[in-house]
Amino acid sequence: MTMTVKAAWTGGIRYLHTSGTGHALVTDGPEPSGGDTAPTPMELVLHGLAGCTGVDLSLMLAKMRQRVTALEITVDADRADEHPRVYTAIRMHIRVSGEVDPRKFERALELSHGTYCSVSAMLASTAAISTTWEIVPEA
């Protein structure tokens, strides 16, 4: 499977990205470099991890007949001090609401990180990824 994206410079250090599927987004550099009007490319990597994990969990928990009413993923990470400034440690916290069996949630998370999430698999080569989670019953 081939995927294609195009990045067009729009001035400064901003780029307009267009995917082969026709979706668009803007990136910018960090403020010290003269940017800060859009997510940085490295922030998008973390968005990708959260999104990939979220898609996996949503699909698997639905197949497991778990009633999820909310799912929130928070990711924070540390980067190397020297270039290339790859992520070295990533912490993910997942908060799920609804009627969810903890064993089924753990299984879905294990499958996501161990088998299905391509972003997690790529990042694991440079970063220690740790995950905490909680199931919040509905009020």
C-alpha atoms as a PDB file:
ATOM      1  CA  MET A   1       0.000   0.000   0.000  1.00  0.00           C
ATOM      2  CA  THR A   2       1.409   3.363  -1.022  1.00  0.00           C
ATOM      3  CA  MET A   3       0.400   6.591   0.686  1.00  0.00           C
ATOM      4  CA  THR A   4       1.219  10.036  -0.629  1.00  0.00           C
ATOM      5  CA  VAL A   5       1.242  13.459   0.991  1.00  0.00           C
ATOM      6  CA  LYS A   6       2.255  16.826  -0.371  1.00  0.00           C
ATOM      7  CA  ALA A   7       3.646  19.686   1.723  1.00  0.00           C
ATOM      8  CA  ALA A   8       3.571  23.166   0.193  1.00  0.00           C
ATOM      9  CA  TRP A   9       5.497  25.992   1.837  1.00  0.00           C
ATOM     10  CA  THR A  10       3.231  28.928   2.682  1.00  0.00           C
ATOM     11  CA  GLY A  11       5.879  31.272   4.123  1.00  0.00           C
ATOM     12  CA  GLY A  12       7.951  31.416   7.270  1.00  0.00           C
ATOM     13  CA  ILE A  13       8.172  27.819   8.419  1.00  0.00           C
ATOM     14  CA  ARG A  14       4.518  26.941   7.767  1.00  0.00           C
ATOM     15  CA  TYR A  15       3.417  24.222   5.392  1.00  0.00           C
ATOM     16  CA  LEU A  16       0.053  23.232   3.981  1.00  0.00           C
ATOM     17  CA  HIS A  17      -0.124  19.447   3.787  1.00  0.00           C
ATOM     18  CA  THR A  18      -2.541  17.600   1.539  1.00  0.00           C
ATOM     19  CA  SER A  19      -3.017  13.854   1.748  1.00  0.00           C
ATOM     20  CA  GLY A  20      -3.667  11.558  -1.161  1.00  0.00           C
ATOM     21  CA  THR A  21      -7.206  11.177   0.189  1.00  0.00           C
ATOM     22  CA  GLY A  22      -7.769  14.926  -0.131  1.00  0.00           C
ATOM     23  CA  HIS A  23      -7.542  15.954   3.521  1.00  0.00           C
ATOM     24  CA  ALA A  24      -5.510  19.013   4.481  1.00  0.00           C
ATOM     25  CA  LEU A  25      -3.752  20.409   7.546  1.00  0.00           C
ATOM     26  CA  VAL A  26      -1.177  23.024   8.410  1.00  0.00           C
ATOM     27  CA  THR A  27       2.056  22.592  10.364  1.00  0.00           C
ATOM     28  CA  ASP A  28       4.400  25.194  11.739  1.00  0.00           C
ATOM     29  CA  GLY A  29       7.595  25.200  13.714  1.00  0.00           C
ATOM     30  CA  PRO A  30       7.910  25.992  17.411  1.00  0.00           C
ATOM     31  CA  GLU A  31       7.833  29.580  18.654  1.00  0.00           C
ATOM     32  CA  PRO A  32      11.626  29.875  19.200  1.00  0.00           C
ATOM     33  CA  SER A  33      12.047  29.131  15.493  1.00  0.00           C
ATOM     34  CA  GLY A  34       9.536  31.792  14.450  1.00  0.00           C
ATOM     35  CA  GLY A  35       6.447  29.589  14.274  1.00  0.00           C
ATOM     36  CA  ASP A  36       3.673  28.569  16.687  1.00  0.00           C
ATOM     37  CA  THR A  37       0.556  29.083  14.543  1.00  0.00           C
ATOM     38  CA  ALA A  38      -0.176  25.360  14.061  1.00  0.00           C
ATOM     39  CA  PRO A  39       0.938  21.982  15.438  1.00  0.00           C
ATOM     40  CA  THR A  40       4.554  21.039  14.831  1.00  0.00           C
ATOM     41  CA  PRO A  41       5.339  17.890  12.866  1.00  0.00           C
ATOM     42  CA  MET A  42       6.520  16.209  16.088  1.00  0.00           C
ATOM     43  CA  GLU A  43       3.229  17.072  17.795  1.00  0.00           C
ATOM     44  CA  LEU A  44       1.445  15.420  14.885  1.00  0.00           C
ATOM     45  CA  VAL A  45       3.383  12.230  15.591  1.00  0.00           C
ATOM     46  CA  LEU A  46       1.835  12.162  19.084  1.00  0.00           C
ATOM     47  CA  HIS A  47      -1.581  12.942  17.585  1.00  0.00           C
ATOM     48  CA  GLY A  48      -1.018   9.962  15.308  1.00  0.00           C
ATOM     49  CA  LEU A  49      -0.275   7.697  18.261  1.00  0.00           C
ATOM     50  CA  ALA A  50      -3.363   8.839  20.158  1.00  0.00           C
ATOM     51  CA  GLY A  51      -5.539   8.530  17.055  1.00  0.00           C
ATOM     52  CA  CYS A  52      -4.216   5.116  16.073  1.00  0.00           C
ATOM     53  CA  THR A  53      -4.743   3.766  19.590  1.00  0.00           C
ATOM     54  CA  GLY A  54      -8.188   5.356  19.764  1.00  0.00           C
ATOM     55  CA  VAL A  55      -9.340   3.843  16.479  1.00  0.00           C
ATOM     56  CA  ASP A  56      -8.113   0.412  17.556  1.00  0.00           C
ATOM     57  CA  LEU A  57      -9.804   0.620  20.947  1.00  0.00           C
ATOM     58  CA  SER A  58     -13.074   1.928  19.524  1.00  0.00           C
ATOM     59  CA  LEU A  59     -13.276  -0.855  16.954  1.00  0.00           C
ATOM     60  CA  MET A  60     -12.221  -3.673  19.284  1.00  0.00           C
ATOM     61  CA  LEU A  61     -14.381  -2.629  22.210  1.00  0.00           C
ATOM     62  CA  ALA A  62     -17.395  -2.408  19.886  1.00  0.00           C
ATOM     63  CA  LYS A  63     -16.660  -5.936  18.606  1.00  0.00           C
ATOM     64  CA  MET A  64     -16.397  -7.069  22.234  1.00  0.00           C
ATOM     65  CA  ARG A  65     -19.865  -5.566  22.810  1.00  0.00           C
ATOM     66  CA  GLN A  66     -18.634  -3.050  25.356  1.00  0.00           C
ATOM     67  CA  ARG A  67     -20.766   0.073  25.759  1.00  0.00           C
ATOM     68  CA  VAL A  68     -18.335   2.985  25.517  1.00  0.00           C
ATOM     69  CA  THR A  69     -19.790   6.459  25.993  1.00  0.00           C
ATOM     70  CA  ALA A  70     -16.521   8.418  26.056  1.00  0.00           C
ATOM     71  CA  LEU A  71     -12.877   7.725  25.313  1.00  0.00           C
ATOM     72  CA  GLU A  72     -10.101  10.249  25.915  1.00  0.00           C
ATOM     73  CA  ILE A  73      -6.394   9.708  25.315  1.00  0.00           C
ATOM     74  CA  THR A  74      -3.734  12.039  26.693  1.00  0.00           C
ATOM     75  CA  VAL A  75      -0.150  11.666  25.493  1.00  0.00           C
ATOM     76  CA  ASP A  76       2.968  13.425  26.721  1.00  0.00           C
ATOM     77  CA  ALA A  77       6.526  12.683  25.737  1.00  0.00           C
ATOM     78  CA  ASP A  78      10.192  13.445  26.291  1.00  0.00           C
ATOM     79  CA  ARG A  79      12.603  14.101  23.434  1.00  0.00           C
ATOM     80  CA  ALA A  80      16.328  13.550  23.104  1.00  0.00           C
ATOM     81  CA  ASP A  81      18.465  16.625  23.776  1.00  0.00           C
ATOM     82  CA  GLU A  82      20.654  16.047  20.711  1.00  0.00           C
ATOM     83  CA  HIS A  83      19.651  15.816  17.059  1.00  0.00           C
ATOM     84  CA  PRO A  84      17.824  13.922  15.779  1.00  0.00           C
ATOM     85  CA  ARG A  85      15.522  14.845  18.676  1.00  0.00           C
ATOM     86  CA  VAL A  86      13.487  11.651  18.640  1.00  0.00           C
ATOM     87  CA  TYR A  87      10.992  10.762  21.330  1.00  0.00           C
ATOM     88  CA  THR A  88      12.686   8.765  24.076  1.00  0.00           C
ATOM     89  CA  ALA A  89       9.798   8.292  26.517  1.00  0.00           C
ATOM     90  CA  ILE A  90       6.072   8.461  25.843  1.00  0.00           C
ATOM     91  CA  ARG A  91       3.355   8.330  28.471  1.00  0.00           C
ATOM     92  CA  MET A  92      -0.218   7.659  27.464  1.00  0.00           C
ATOM     93  CA  HIS A  93      -3.252   7.852  29.746  1.00  0.00           C
ATOM     94  CA  ILE A  94      -6.583   6.523  28.549  1.00  0.00           C
ATOM     95  CA  ARG A  95      -9.852   7.393  30.223  1.00  0.00           C
ATOM     96  CA  VAL A  96     -12.874   5.417  29.102  1.00  0.00           C
ATOM     97  CA  SER A  97     -16.460   5.842  30.266  1.00  0.00           C
ATOM     98  CA  GLY A  98     -19.350   3.432  29.971  1.00  0.00           C
ATOM     99  CA  GLU A  99     -20.003  -0.167  30.788  1.00  0.00           C
ATOM    100  CA  VAL A 100     -16.589  -1.653  30.058  1.00  0.00           C
ATOM    101  CA  ASP A 101     -15.150  -4.893  31.425  1.00  0.00           C
ATOM    102  CA  PRO A 102     -11.566  -4.151  32.594  1.00  0.00           C
ATOM    103  CA  ARG A 103     -10.291  -7.492  31.245  1.00  0.00           C
ATOM    104  CA  LYS A 104     -11.722  -6.773  27.802  1.00  0.00           C
ATOM    105  CA  PHE A 105     -10.266  -3.271  27.861  1.00  0.00           C
ATOM    106  CA  GLU A 106      -6.833  -4.653  28.780  1.00  0.00           C
ATOM    107  CA  ARG A 107      -7.065  -7.170  25.938  1.00  0.00           C
ATOM    108  CA  ALA A 108      -8.040  -4.481  23.433  1.00  0.00           C
ATOM    109  CA  LEU A 109      -5.150  -2.286  24.592  1.00  0.00           C
ATOM    110  CA  GLU A 110      -2.726  -5.211  24.373  1.00  0.00           C
ATOM    111  CA  LEU A 111      -3.849  -5.944  20.807  1.00  0.00           C
ATOM    112  CA  SER A 112      -3.582  -2.298  19.814  1.00  0.00           C
ATOM    113  CA  HIS A 113      -0.044  -1.806  21.080  1.00  0.00           C
ATOM    114  CA  GLY A 114       1.208  -5.292  20.323  1.00  0.00           C
ATOM    115  CA  THR A 115      -0.331  -5.960  16.916  1.00  0.00           C
ATOM    116  CA  TYR A 116      -2.430  -3.293  15.220  1.00  0.00           C
ATOM    117  CA  CYS A 117      -1.187   0.243  15.924  1.00  0.00           C
ATOM    118  CA  SER A 118       1.482   0.980  13.326  1.00  0.00           C
ATOM    119  CA  VAL A 119       2.358   4.288  14.957  1.00  0.00           C
ATOM    120  CA  SER A 120       3.034   2.591  18.296  1.00  0.00           C
ATOM    121  CA  ALA A 121       5.196  -0.021  16.579  1.00  0.00           C
ATOM    122  CA  MET A 122       7.316   2.654  14.886  1.00  0.00           C
ATOM    123  CA  LEU A 123       7.730   4.794  17.994  1.00  0.00           C
ATOM    124  CA  ALA A 124       8.647   1.817  20.174  1.00  0.00           C
ATOM    125  CA  SER A 125      11.980   1.579  18.338  1.00  0.00           C
ATOM    126  CA  THR A 126      13.197   4.820  19.975  1.00  0.00           C
ATOM    127  CA  ALA A 127      10.841   5.459  22.888  1.00  0.00           C
ATOM    128  CA  ALA A 128       9.725   3.589  25.969  1.00  0.00           C
ATOM    129  CA  ILE A 129       5.930   3.766  25.784  1.00  0.00           C
ATOM    130  CA  SER A 130       4.003   3.418  29.027  1.00  0.00           C
ATOM    131  CA  THR A 131       0.230   3.376  29.312  1.00  0.00           C
ATOM    132  CA  THR A 132      -2.084   3.932  32.232  1.00  0.00           C
ATOM    133  CA  TRP A 133      -5.833   3.772  32.034  1.00  0.00           C
ATOM    134  CA  GLU A 134      -9.007   4.136  34.009  1.00  0.00           C
ATOM    135  CA  ILE A 135     -12.612   3.165  33.524  1.00  0.00           C
ATOM    136  CA  VAL A 136     -14.972   5.833  34.761  1.00  0.00           C
ATOM    137  CA  PRO A 137     -18.493   4.609  35.484  1.00  0.00           C
ATOM    138  CA  GLU A 138     -21.287   6.775  34.220  1.00  0.00           C
ATOM    139  CA  ALA A 139     -22.931   9.043  36.756  1.00  0.00           C
END
